[in-house]
C-alpha cells in the first residue's frame, strides 16, 4: 500500500511538472487535447532535474545586491512592532525622510499617536493636520484620539474632548502663524484633574515619562487647559519644558511642528517602570529628584524667612529637634475621631508632630518642605496620600486603611511607595475601630466580609466605606506601629 501511494504521489508531481514546463517535456497544448510524449520518460526526467538544479543553485552562482522579499516583509513587520512597543515614547523614524503617522492603541490605559512631518494645528475643528507630498489619490487618512490616561474608564473618557489627526495630500489650507523648531506633546488636563492623586498619576508622571527624552526641548499643548493647574504645577512643568504652554482650545493660531506626540504613556499607579523607559534605567526616584529640584529653591527661601522670624539660637535649636512625624488630618469622611490623642501619643514616644490640613490653595512647596524634612508620614487612605512622593527614600510611610479599602490602599499607594524606597506600613483597622460598627451588627457582611460588599461594585465601596466611615484608632494597638517607626527614624537619621 505504501509503495502504491508513493507511486501516485510521484505521478501527480510528474504531471504538475509537465504542466509547469511544457516546453521541457515536449508538450503542445495549443489544440487543447492531451499530447503523447515523443521521447522516453528518462530523458524528460533528466531535463527536468537540470532545470530544477539551476533554480536551486542560481542564487549561489550569481550575486544580487538586494535583500529577498521575505527579508523585506520580516523587516517591515519588525519595524511596526518596534514602533508600537510599550517601551517607545518617541515618534517613529520614517524611512527615506518621509512623513509618518502612527497610532498605538494596544495599551489598556491610554492611546498614543506619533506624527512627523509638516504638522499644523487647527483648534477650531479640534484637528491636527499632517500634510504629505505623497499622492494619497484623494484619500484622507484620519485617526481620532482622546489624549487622557484612563482609557478603560468609559464614563470619564466621555468627558474628554476628542481630537482628529488628519493626514492629507494637496495644498496647505492654513499657513503657519507660529513655527516651532522643537516637538510638541499634546495631552488633556480634563477628567479627574482637581484630585491630587489623579493630577500626579494621570497627568504629571505620564507627562514625565513621555517627554523626558526631549530634555526640555519640547512644547506642551494642552487640551482642556486650566489656568489654576498651570499656576499650581508651573514649577514642575518648567523642569520638563523650556517653552510656554499652549492652550489648544483658545489659541486659534496655526502652530506648526515637525514632530508631535498626541497622548501620554503611563506605566501604572504613581510609578515609572525603568524597563519601559528609553534609557532602561529611569525610575520613580528620578521623578522624585525632579520634584526636589523644583521645590528646593523655594524651600531655601522659606527657611531664610523663618530664620529672620526667629533668633539665631532658636533657629539652631529648631534644626536639632526630635524626629518629625507629619500627620495628614481629615475632616468628615475617613477622619480620625481621636486624632488629638494620637498626636499626644506620638509626642510622648518622642516625635515632633506637625499636623497638615492642606486645601486647594496650599502651596505645594510648603507641603514638600514639611515632608522632605520628616522621618514619618501618617494618614488615612485617600488622595492626600499621594504626598508620599515628597518623602525621602527610607522614610516611613504609615497608611491607615479603613474597612473595605484594602485593595485600593495597597494598589494606589502601598506598592508605589515601596518602589520609591519608602518603608511602607499598612495599618488595617479592625471592625471595632470603624464607625460602621455603630451602624451594623457585628455579623453583618459590611463588617465581617467587606470584600463581599466591594465586589458588588464601585458605588457600594464609595457609598459605604469611602463616604460614610470614620476611624477611631485603638491607641494601644497603634502605639506598636509608632514605636517601631520611631526606632527606625532614630537608626536611619
Protein backbone atom coordinates (compact mmCIF):
# COMPACT_ATOMS: atom_id res chain seq x y z
CA UNK A 1 0.00 0.00 0.00
CA UNK A 2 2.84 2.42 0.94
CA UNK A 3 4.59 1.83 -2.42
CA UNK A 4 1.34 2.40 -4.34
CA UNK A 5 0.83 5.72 -2.54
CA UNK A 6 4.39 6.78 -3.33
CA UNK A 7 3.81 5.95 -6.99
CA UNK A 8 0.64 8.04 -7.00
CA UNK A 9 2.45 10.98 -5.46
CA UNK A 10 5.27 10.65 -7.94
CA UNK A 11 2.81 10.58 -10.82
CA UNK A 12 0.99 13.67 -9.58
CA UNK A 13 4.29 15.56 -9.21
CA UNK A 14 5.33 14.48 -12.68
CA UNK A 15 2.05 15.68 -14.19
CA UNK A 16 2.32 19.02 -12.37
CA UNK A 17 5.88 19.43 -13.63
CA UNK A 18 4.75 18.71 -17.15
CA UNK A 19 2.13 21.44 -16.90
CA UNK A 20 4.60 23.95 -15.46
CA UNK A 21 7.34 23.25 -18.02
CA UNK A 22 5.57 22.08 -21.22
CA UNK A 23 8.49 23.05 -23.45
CA UNK A 24 10.84 20.89 -21.42
CA UNK A 25 8.58 17.89 -21.66
CA UNK A 26 7.83 18.44 -25.32
CA UNK A 27 4.12 19.06 -24.79
CA UNK A 28 1.91 21.07 -27.10
CA UNK A 29 -1.34 22.27 -25.56
CA UNK A 30 -2.43 24.50 -28.43
CA UNK A 31 -5.06 22.00 -29.52
CA UNK A 32 -6.46 21.73 -26.02
CA UNK A 33 -6.07 17.91 -26.10
CA UNK A 34 -3.70 15.69 -24.16
CA UNK A 35 -0.46 15.15 -26.10
CA UNK A 36 1.59 12.00 -26.14
CA UNK A 37 5.18 12.14 -25.06
CA UNK A 38 7.54 11.90 -28.04
CA UNK A 39 10.68 10.98 -26.04
CA UNK A 40 11.41 8.34 -23.46
CA UNK A 41 10.44 9.24 -19.88
CA UNK A 42 14.05 9.09 -18.64
CA UNK A 43 15.20 11.93 -20.91
CA UNK A 44 12.42 14.22 -19.69
CA UNK A 45 13.25 13.48 -16.12
CA UNK A 46 16.90 14.32 -16.73
CA UNK A 47 15.95 17.62 -18.37
CA UNK A 48 13.59 18.43 -15.50
CA UNK A 49 16.33 17.68 -12.98
CA UNK A 50 18.69 20.03 -14.83
CA UNK A 51 16.20 22.91 -14.75
CA UNK A 52 15.41 22.32 -11.08
CA UNK A 53 19.12 22.38 -10.22
CA UNK A 54 19.53 25.71 -11.98
CA UNK A 55 16.68 27.21 -10.00
CA UNK A 56 18.08 25.93 -6.72
CA UNK A 57 21.70 26.95 -7.22
CA UNK A 58 21.21 30.18 -9.17
CA UNK A 59 21.21 32.43 -6.03
CA UNK A 60 24.60 30.94 -5.08
CA UNK A 61 26.07 31.34 -8.56
CA UNK A 62 25.05 34.96 -9.08
CA UNK A 63 25.21 37.91 -6.63
CA UNK A 64 22.11 40.09 -6.18
CA UNK A 65 22.62 43.34 -4.21
CA UNK A 66 19.01 43.35 -2.94
CA UNK A 67 17.53 41.53 0.08
CA UNK A 68 14.98 38.86 -0.51
CA UNK A 69 11.28 39.66 -0.43
CA UNK A 70 10.90 37.58 2.69
CA UNK A 71 13.56 39.64 4.45
CA UNK A 72 11.81 42.85 3.45
CA UNK A 73 8.49 41.59 4.82
CA UNK A 74 10.07 40.48 8.09
CA UNK A 75 11.87 43.82 8.44
CA UNK A 76 8.66 45.79 7.90
CA UNK A 77 6.77 43.76 10.47
CA UNK A 78 9.63 44.12 12.97
CA UNK A 79 9.71 47.89 12.39
CA UNK A 80 5.97 48.18 13.03
CA UNK A 81 6.21 46.02 16.16
CA UNK A 82 9.09 48.14 17.42
CA UNK A 83 7.16 51.33 16.82
CA UNK A 84 4.14 50.29 18.84
CA UNK A 85 6.20 48.71 21.60
CA UNK A 86 5.28 49.95 25.07
CA UNK A 87 8.94 50.88 25.54
CA UNK A 88 8.93 53.59 22.92
CA UNK A 89 7.80 57.11 23.71
CA UNK A 90 9.34 58.84 20.73
CA UNK A 91 7.84 59.42 17.27
CA UNK A 92 8.65 56.63 14.81
CA UNK A 93 11.54 57.24 12.45
CA UNK A 94 10.18 57.17 8.91
CA UNK A 95 12.28 55.68 6.16
CA UNK A 96 13.62 57.88 3.36
CA UNK A 97 12.81 61.01 5.38
CA UNK A 98 9.12 60.67 4.58
CA UNK A 99 6.39 61.90 6.88
CA UNK A 100 4.90 59.36 9.26
CA UNK A 101 1.70 58.91 11.19
CA UNK A 102 1.24 56.04 13.60
CA UNK A 103 -1.12 55.35 16.50
CA UNK A 104 -0.57 52.76 19.20
CA UNK A 105 -3.88 51.59 20.65
CA UNK A 106 -2.56 48.44 22.30
CA UNK A 107 -2.30 49.98 25.77
CA UNK A 108 -5.01 49.29 28.33
CA UNK A 109 -4.63 52.69 29.99
CA UNK A 110 -4.07 55.06 27.09
CA UNK A 111 -3.78 55.56 23.34
CA UNK A 112 -0.85 57.46 21.88
CA UNK A 113 -0.17 58.75 18.38
CA UNK A 114 3.10 59.81 16.74
CA UNK A 115 3.30 62.30 13.89
CA UNK A 116 6.31 63.51 11.94
CA UNK A 117 6.45 65.89 9.01
CA UNK A 118 4.57 69.07 8.18
CA UNK A 119 2.22 69.27 11.18
CA UNK A 120 -0.28 72.12 11.62
CA UNK A 121 -2.86 72.74 14.32
CA UNK A 122 -6.45 73.81 13.74
CA UNK A 123 -8.08 74.20 17.13
CA UNK A 124 -11.45 75.38 15.78
CA UNK A 125 -12.10 71.92 14.38
CA UNK A 126 -10.15 70.11 17.14
CA UNK A 127 -7.81 68.89 14.43
CA UNK A 128 -4.13 68.42 13.79
CA UNK A 129 -3.13 68.09 10.14
CA UNK A 130 -0.13 66.29 8.71
CA UNK A 131 0.47 67.37 5.13
CA UNK A 132 2.20 64.85 2.89
CA UNK A 133 3.81 65.14 -0.52
CA UNK A 134 2.84 61.57 -1.30
CA UNK A 135 -0.21 61.34 -3.51
CA UNK A 136 -2.91 59.62 -1.49
CA UNK A 137 -5.17 59.52 -4.57
CA UNK A 138 -7.71 61.81 -2.92
CA UNK A 139 -7.80 59.68 0.24
CA UNK A 140 -7.70 61.33 3.65
CA UNK A 141 -6.26 59.29 6.49
CA UNK A 142 -7.79 60.18 9.85
CA UNK A 143 -7.44 58.96 13.42
CA UNK A 144 -9.40 60.08 16.47
CA UNK A 145 -7.96 60.16 19.96
CA UNK A 146 -8.82 61.31 23.45
CA UNK A 147 -5.43 62.16 24.99
CA UNK A 148 -6.14 61.14 28.58
CA UNK A 149 -4.73 58.20 30.53
CA UNK A 150 -7.89 56.48 31.77
CA UNK A 151 -8.88 54.84 28.51
CA UNK A 152 -10.66 51.93 30.19
CA UNK A 153 -12.94 54.18 32.26
CA UNK A 154 -15.75 54.93 29.81
CA UNK A 155 -17.67 57.34 31.99
CA UNK A 156 -14.77 59.75 32.49
CA UNK A 157 -13.48 59.37 28.91
CA UNK A 158 -16.85 60.61 27.66
CA UNK A 159 -16.00 63.98 29.22
CA UNK A 160 -12.67 64.27 27.37
CA UNK A 161 -12.52 66.26 24.14
CA UNK A 162 -11.82 64.13 21.08
CA UNK A 163 -9.11 65.26 18.66
CA UNK A 164 -8.90 64.47 14.96
CA UNK A 165 -5.49 63.68 13.49
CA UNK A 166 -5.63 64.03 9.73
CA UNK A 167 -3.06 63.10 7.09
CA UNK A 168 -3.83 64.62 3.72
CA UNK A 169 -2.29 65.40 0.33
CA UNK A 170 -2.67 68.67 -1.50
CA UNK A 171 -2.45 72.39 -0.99
CA UNK A 172 -1.83 73.53 2.56
CA UNK A 173 -5.03 75.31 3.50
CA UNK A 174 -3.59 77.12 6.52
CA UNK A 175 -0.27 78.95 6.61
CA UNK A 176 1.94 78.76 9.69
CA UNK A 177 1.41 81.59 12.13
CA UNK A 178 3.75 80.17 14.78
CA UNK A 179 6.61 77.89 13.74
CA UNK A 180 8.25 75.68 16.36
CA UNK A 181 11.65 74.08 15.98
CA UNK A 182 11.03 71.58 18.78
CA UNK A 183 8.44 68.75 19.05
CA UNK A 184 5.03 69.02 20.66
CA UNK A 185 3.39 66.78 23.26
CA UNK A 186 -0.38 67.21 23.37
CA UNK A 187 -2.46 65.94 26.29
CA UNK A 188 -5.61 66.69 28.26
CA UNK A 189 -5.91 68.09 31.77
CA UNK A 190 -9.60 67.26 31.94
CA UNK A 191 -11.09 64.19 33.58
CA UNK A 192 -10.24 63.85 37.26
CA UNK A 193 -7.90 66.84 37.30
CA UNK A 194 -8.61 68.60 40.60
CA UNK A 195 -7.90 65.45 42.62
CA UNK A 196 -4.27 65.35 43.78
CA UNK A 197 -3.83 61.64 43.13
CA UNK A 198 -5.08 61.92 39.57
CA UNK A 199 -3.09 65.09 38.89
CA UNK A 200 0.08 63.11 39.54
CA UNK A 201 -0.96 59.64 38.41
CA UNK A 202 -2.89 60.54 35.26
CA UNK A 203 -1.00 63.71 34.34
CA UNK A 204 2.40 64.72 35.70
CA UNK A 205 4.08 61.30 35.90
CA UNK A 206 2.87 60.19 32.42
CA UNK A 207 3.99 63.60 31.10
CA UNK A 208 7.42 63.00 32.64
CA UNK A 209 7.58 59.51 31.09
CA UNK A 210 6.60 60.79 27.64
CA UNK A 211 8.63 63.99 27.48
CA UNK A 212 11.84 63.15 29.36
CA UNK A 213 13.69 62.09 26.22
CA UNK A 214 13.38 65.61 24.79
CA UNK A 215 15.48 67.11 27.61
CA UNK A 216 13.13 70.12 28.00
CA UNK A 217 13.24 70.92 24.26
CA UNK A 218 9.53 70.32 23.82
CA UNK A 219 6.30 72.33 23.75
CA UNK A 220 3.29 71.19 25.78
CA UNK A 221 -0.04 71.69 24.03
CA UNK A 222 -2.93 71.25 26.43
CA UNK A 223 -6.49 70.30 25.67
CA UNK A 224 -9.00 71.37 28.33
CA UNK A 225 -6.48 73.76 29.85
CA UNK A 226 -6.98 75.19 33.37
CA UNK A 227 -5.12 78.31 34.47
CA UNK A 228 -5.12 77.16 38.10
CA UNK A 229 -3.44 73.91 37.06
CA UNK A 230 -0.60 75.78 35.40
CA UNK A 231 -0.21 78.03 38.44
CA UNK A 232 -0.15 75.02 40.76
CA UNK A 233 2.32 72.95 38.75
CA UNK A 234 4.16 75.62 36.79
CA UNK A 235 7.39 74.99 38.71
CA UNK A 236 7.23 71.28 37.92
CA UNK A 237 6.44 71.94 34.25
CA UNK A 238 9.44 74.27 33.99
CA UNK A 239 11.63 71.26 34.81
CA UNK A 240 10.14 69.40 31.83
CA UNK A 241 9.95 72.16 29.18
CA UNK A 242 11.73 75.41 28.40
CA UNK A 243 8.74 76.74 26.48
CA UNK A 244 5.38 78.33 27.37
CA UNK A 245 2.28 76.13 27.45
CA UNK A 246 -0.21 76.33 24.60
CA UNK A 247 -3.93 76.31 25.36
CA UNK A 248 -5.10 74.27 22.37
CA UNK A 249 -8.74 75.31 22.57
CA UNK A 250 -8.27 79.05 23.00
CA UNK A 251 -5.16 79.63 20.89
CA UNK A 252 -6.65 79.84 17.41
CA UNK A 253 -3.34 80.45 15.67
CA UNK A 254 -1.91 77.80 13.39
CA UNK A 255 1.05 76.27 15.18
CA UNK A 256 3.45 74.29 13.01
CA UNK A 257 5.67 71.47 14.24
CA UNK A 258 7.97 68.90 12.71
CA UNK A 259 7.13 66.26 15.29
CA UNK A 260 4.26 65.67 17.68
CA UNK A 261 3.13 63.10 20.21
CA UNK A 262 -0.59 63.10 21.00
CA UNK A 263 -1.42 61.31 24.24
CA UNK A 264 0.76 60.14 27.12
CA UNK A 265 2.41 56.89 28.20
CA UNK A 266 1.52 55.57 31.64
CA UNK A 267 3.26 52.65 33.38
CA UNK A 268 1.00 52.06 36.37
CA UNK A 269 -0.08 53.64 39.63
CA UNK A 270 2.25 56.52 40.59
CA UNK A 271 5.24 54.78 39.07
CA UNK A 272 7.90 54.87 36.38
CA UNK A 273 8.97 51.44 35.10
CA UNK A 274 12.69 51.51 34.12
CA UNK A 275 12.22 48.59 31.72
CA UNK A 276 9.76 50.68 29.72
CA UNK A 277 11.91 53.81 29.54
CA UNK A 278 14.13 54.61 26.58
CA UNK A 279 17.32 54.55 28.67
CA UNK A 280 16.27 51.43 30.58
CA UNK A 281 17.05 52.96 33.98
CA UNK A 282 14.85 55.99 34.71
CA UNK A 283 12.62 55.25 37.72
CA UNK A 284 10.14 56.91 40.06
CA UNK A 285 13.14 58.06 42.12
CA UNK A 286 14.21 60.21 39.18
CA UNK A 287 10.78 61.82 39.15
CA UNK A 288 11.13 62.42 42.87
CA UNK A 289 14.53 64.04 42.21
CA UNK A 290 12.82 66.30 39.71
CA UNK A 291 10.43 67.40 42.47
CA UNK A 292 13.44 68.08 44.67
CA UNK A 293 14.96 70.35 42.01
CA UNK A 294 11.59 72.00 41.56
CA UNK A 295 10.94 72.93 45.18
CA UNK A 296 14.44 73.27 46.62
CA UNK A 297 14.90 76.97 45.70
CA UNK A 298 11.54 77.85 47.22
CA UNK A 299 12.30 75.81 50.36
CA UNK A 300 15.56 77.69 50.80
CA UNK A 301 13.71 80.99 50.67
CA UNK A 302 11.11 79.77 53.17
CA UNK A 303 13.85 78.69 55.57
CA UNK A 304 15.51 82.11 55.32
CA UNK A 305 12.19 83.76 56.11
CA UNK A 306 11.78 81.51 59.17
CA UNK A 307 15.28 82.30 60.38
CA UNK A 308 14.51 86.00 60.17
CA UNK A 309 11.48 85.47 62.39
CA UNK A 310 13.46 83.52 64.95
CA UNK A 311 16.57 84.32 66.88
CA UNK A 312 19.69 82.58 65.65
CA UNK A 313 19.89 80.34 68.73
CA UNK A 314 16.23 79.32 68.44
CA UNK A 315 16.65 78.56 64.76
CA UNK A 316 19.63 76.34 65.52
CA UNK A 317 17.70 74.53 68.25
CA UNK A 318 14.81 74.01 65.83
CA UNK A 319 17.07 72.16 63.41
CA UNK A 320 18.28 69.74 66.08
CA UNK A 321 14.85 68.75 67.31
CA UNK A 322 13.44 65.23 67.54
CA UNK A 323 12.36 63.15 64.52
CA UNK A 324 9.42 64.74 62.80
CA UNK A 325 6.13 62.97 62.15
CA UNK A 326 3.83 64.59 59.58
CA UNK A 327 0.16 63.76 60.04
CA UNK A 328 -2.39 64.46 57.29
CA UNK A 329 -5.62 65.41 59.02
CA UNK A 330 -9.04 64.77 57.51
CA UNK A 331 -12.47 66.12 58.34
CA UNK A 332 -15.72 64.33 57.62
CA UNK A 333 -15.33 61.02 55.82
CA UNK A 334 -12.40 58.85 56.98
CA UNK A 335 -11.40 61.32 59.69
CA UNK A 336 -9.58 60.08 62.80
CA UNK A 337 -12.01 60.92 65.58
CA UNK A 338 -9.39 60.59 68.33
CA UNK A 339 -6.69 62.40 66.38
CA UNK A 340 -5.73 64.67 69.30
CA UNK A 341 -4.99 61.63 71.49
CA UNK A 342 -2.98 60.04 68.69
CA UNK A 343 -0.89 63.24 68.38
CA UNK A 344 -0.17 63.26 72.12
CA UNK A 345 0.81 59.60 71.96
CA UNK A 346 3.31 60.29 69.15
CA UNK A 347 4.77 63.19 71.12
CA UNK A 348 5.22 61.02 74.22
CA UNK A 349 7.03 58.43 72.15
CA UNK A 350 9.49 61.13 71.06
CA UNK A 351 8.20 62.62 67.81
CA UNK A 352 7.87 66.25 66.90
CA UNK A 353 4.42 66.19 65.30
CA UNK A 354 3.29 68.51 62.53
CA UNK A 355 -0.38 68.28 61.53
CA UNK A 356 -1.11 69.13 57.89
CA UNK A 357 -4.51 70.27 56.69
CA UNK A 358 -3.87 71.25 53.06
CA UNK A 359 -6.53 72.63 50.75
CA UNK A 360 -6.52 73.64 47.09
CA UNK A 361 -4.86 76.96 47.89
CA UNK A 362 -1.98 75.44 49.87
CA UNK A 363 1.36 75.98 48.19
CA UNK A 364 2.88 72.62 47.27
CA UNK A 365 6.37 73.85 48.12
CA UNK A 366 5.31 74.33 51.76
CA UNK A 367 3.95 70.77 51.94
CA UNK A 368 7.10 69.49 50.25
CA UNK A 369 9.23 71.32 52.80
CA UNK A 370 7.47 69.64 55.72
CA UNK A 371 7.54 66.13 54.26
CA UNK A 372 11.07 66.41 52.93
CA UNK A 373 12.25 67.07 56.48
CA UNK A 374 10.02 64.43 58.13
CA UNK A 375 11.03 60.93 59.13
CA UNK A 376 7.47 59.59 59.21
CA UNK A 377 4.25 60.36 57.35
CA UNK A 378 0.88 59.19 58.67
CA UNK A 379 -2.55 59.46 57.10
CA UNK A 380 -5.81 57.70 56.35
CA UNK A 381 -6.25 56.26 52.85
CA UNK A 382 -7.23 58.98 50.38
CA UNK A 383 -5.87 61.30 47.68
CA UNK A 384 -3.65 63.14 50.19
CA UNK A 385 -1.52 60.01 50.45
CA UNK A 386 -0.11 60.97 47.05
CA UNK A 387 2.16 63.29 49.02
CA UNK A 388 4.35 60.28 49.87
CA UNK A 389 6.17 61.31 46.67
CA UNK A 390 7.58 64.21 48.69
CA UNK A 391 9.21 61.91 51.26
CA UNK A 392 12.88 60.98 51.14
CA UNK A 393 13.73 57.33 50.43
CA UNK A 394 13.99 55.20 53.62
CA UNK A 395 11.42 57.38 55.37
CA UNK A 396 8.47 55.63 57.00
CA UNK A 397 5.02 55.91 55.44
CA UNK A 398 2.13 54.67 57.61
CA UNK A 399 -1.18 54.41 55.77
CA UNK A 400 -4.24 53.82 57.94
CA UNK A 401 -6.53 51.55 55.94
CA UNK A 402 -10.29 51.74 56.70
CA UNK A 403 -12.56 48.75 56.17
CA UNK A 404 -13.29 47.95 52.54
CA UNK A 405 -10.32 49.87 51.13
CA UNK A 406 -7.56 47.26 51.32
CA UNK A 407 -7.08 46.78 47.59
CA UNK A 408 -7.14 50.47 46.69
CA UNK A 409 -4.83 51.41 49.56
CA UNK A 410 -2.20 48.87 48.59
CA UNK A 411 -2.50 49.32 44.83
CA UNK A 412 -2.58 53.11 44.64
CA UNK A 413 -0.21 53.99 47.48
CA UNK A 414 1.35 50.99 49.21
CA UNK A 415 3.08 49.36 46.26
CA UNK A 416 4.15 52.66 44.63
CA UNK A 417 5.64 53.82 47.95
CA UNK A 418 7.76 50.69 48.13
CA UNK A 419 9.05 51.34 44.61
CA UNK A 420 10.12 54.81 45.75
CA UNK A 421 12.16 53.20 48.51
CA UNK A 422 9.96 54.13 51.45
CA UNK A 423 9.47 51.89 54.46
CA UNK A 424 5.76 51.34 53.95
CA UNK A 425 3.43 50.17 56.75
CA UNK A 426 -0.23 49.46 56.08
CA UNK A 427 -2.28 49.67 59.28
CA UNK A 428 -5.55 47.83 58.62
CA UNK A 429 -8.15 48.86 61.15
CA UNK A 430 -10.32 46.31 62.91
CA UNK A 431 -14.14 46.47 62.74
CA UNK A 432 -14.23 47.92 66.24
CA UNK A 433 -12.04 50.84 65.04
CA UNK A 434 -14.58 51.77 62.36
CA UNK A 435 -17.62 53.98 62.88
CA UNK A 436 -19.50 51.41 60.79
CA UNK A 437 -19.56 49.19 63.87
CA UNK A 438 -22.08 51.65 65.34
CA UNK A 439 -24.40 51.20 62.36
CA UNK A 440 -24.15 47.48 61.55
CA UNK A 441 -24.41 44.26 63.54
CA UNK A 442 -21.05 42.64 64.21
CA UNK A 443 -22.04 39.70 61.97
CA UNK A 444 -23.12 41.90 59.07
CA UNK A 445 -21.03 41.35 55.90
CA UNK A 446 -20.22 45.08 55.90
CA UNK A 447 -18.02 44.42 58.94
CA UNK A 448 -17.33 40.72 58.73
CA UNK A 449 -16.63 40.39 54.99
CA UNK A 450 -16.04 43.78 53.30
CA UNK A 451 -14.79 42.06 50.11
CA UNK A 452 -18.25 40.61 49.52
CA UNK A 453 -19.60 44.16 49.52
CA UNK A 454 -16.89 45.79 47.40
CA UNK A 455 -17.29 43.05 44.78
CA UNK A 456 -20.78 44.40 44.13
CA UNK A 457 -19.28 47.49 42.52
CA UNK A 458 -17.77 50.90 43.00
CA UNK A 459 -20.99 52.53 44.17
CA UNK A 460 -21.14 50.18 47.18
CA UNK A 461 -17.49 50.81 48.02
CA UNK A 462 -17.90 54.55 47.70
CA UNK A 463 -21.26 54.79 49.45
CA UNK A 464 -20.39 52.63 52.45
CA UNK A 465 -16.65 52.58 53.01
CA UNK A 466 -15.35 55.82 51.49
CA UNK A 467 -18.07 58.37 52.17
CA UNK A 468 -19.62 57.10 55.40
CA UNK A 469 -16.82 55.77 57.55
CA UNK A 470 -14.64 57.35 60.22
CA UNK A 471 -11.77 55.88 62.20
CA UNK A 472 -11.26 55.67 65.94
CA UNK A 473 -7.79 54.23 66.45
CA UNK A 474 -7.10 51.58 69.06
CA UNK A 475 -4.16 53.53 70.50
CA UNK A 476 -2.69 50.54 72.32
CA UNK A 477 -2.58 48.69 69.03
CA UNK A 478 -1.39 51.71 67.02
CA UNK A 479 1.30 52.50 69.60
CA UNK A 480 3.31 49.49 68.45
CA UNK A 481 3.40 50.93 64.92
CA UNK A 482 4.57 54.33 66.16
CA UNK A 483 7.24 52.90 68.46
CA UNK A 484 8.65 50.83 65.62
CA UNK A 485 8.61 53.88 63.31
CA UNK A 486 10.42 55.94 65.94
CA UNK A 487 13.14 53.30 66.27
CA UNK A 488 13.64 53.29 62.51
CA UNK A 489 13.78 57.09 62.43
CA UNK A 490 16.49 57.20 65.10
CA UNK A 491 18.58 54.50 63.44
CA UNK A 492 18.49 55.97 59.93
CA UNK A 493 18.82 59.72 60.79
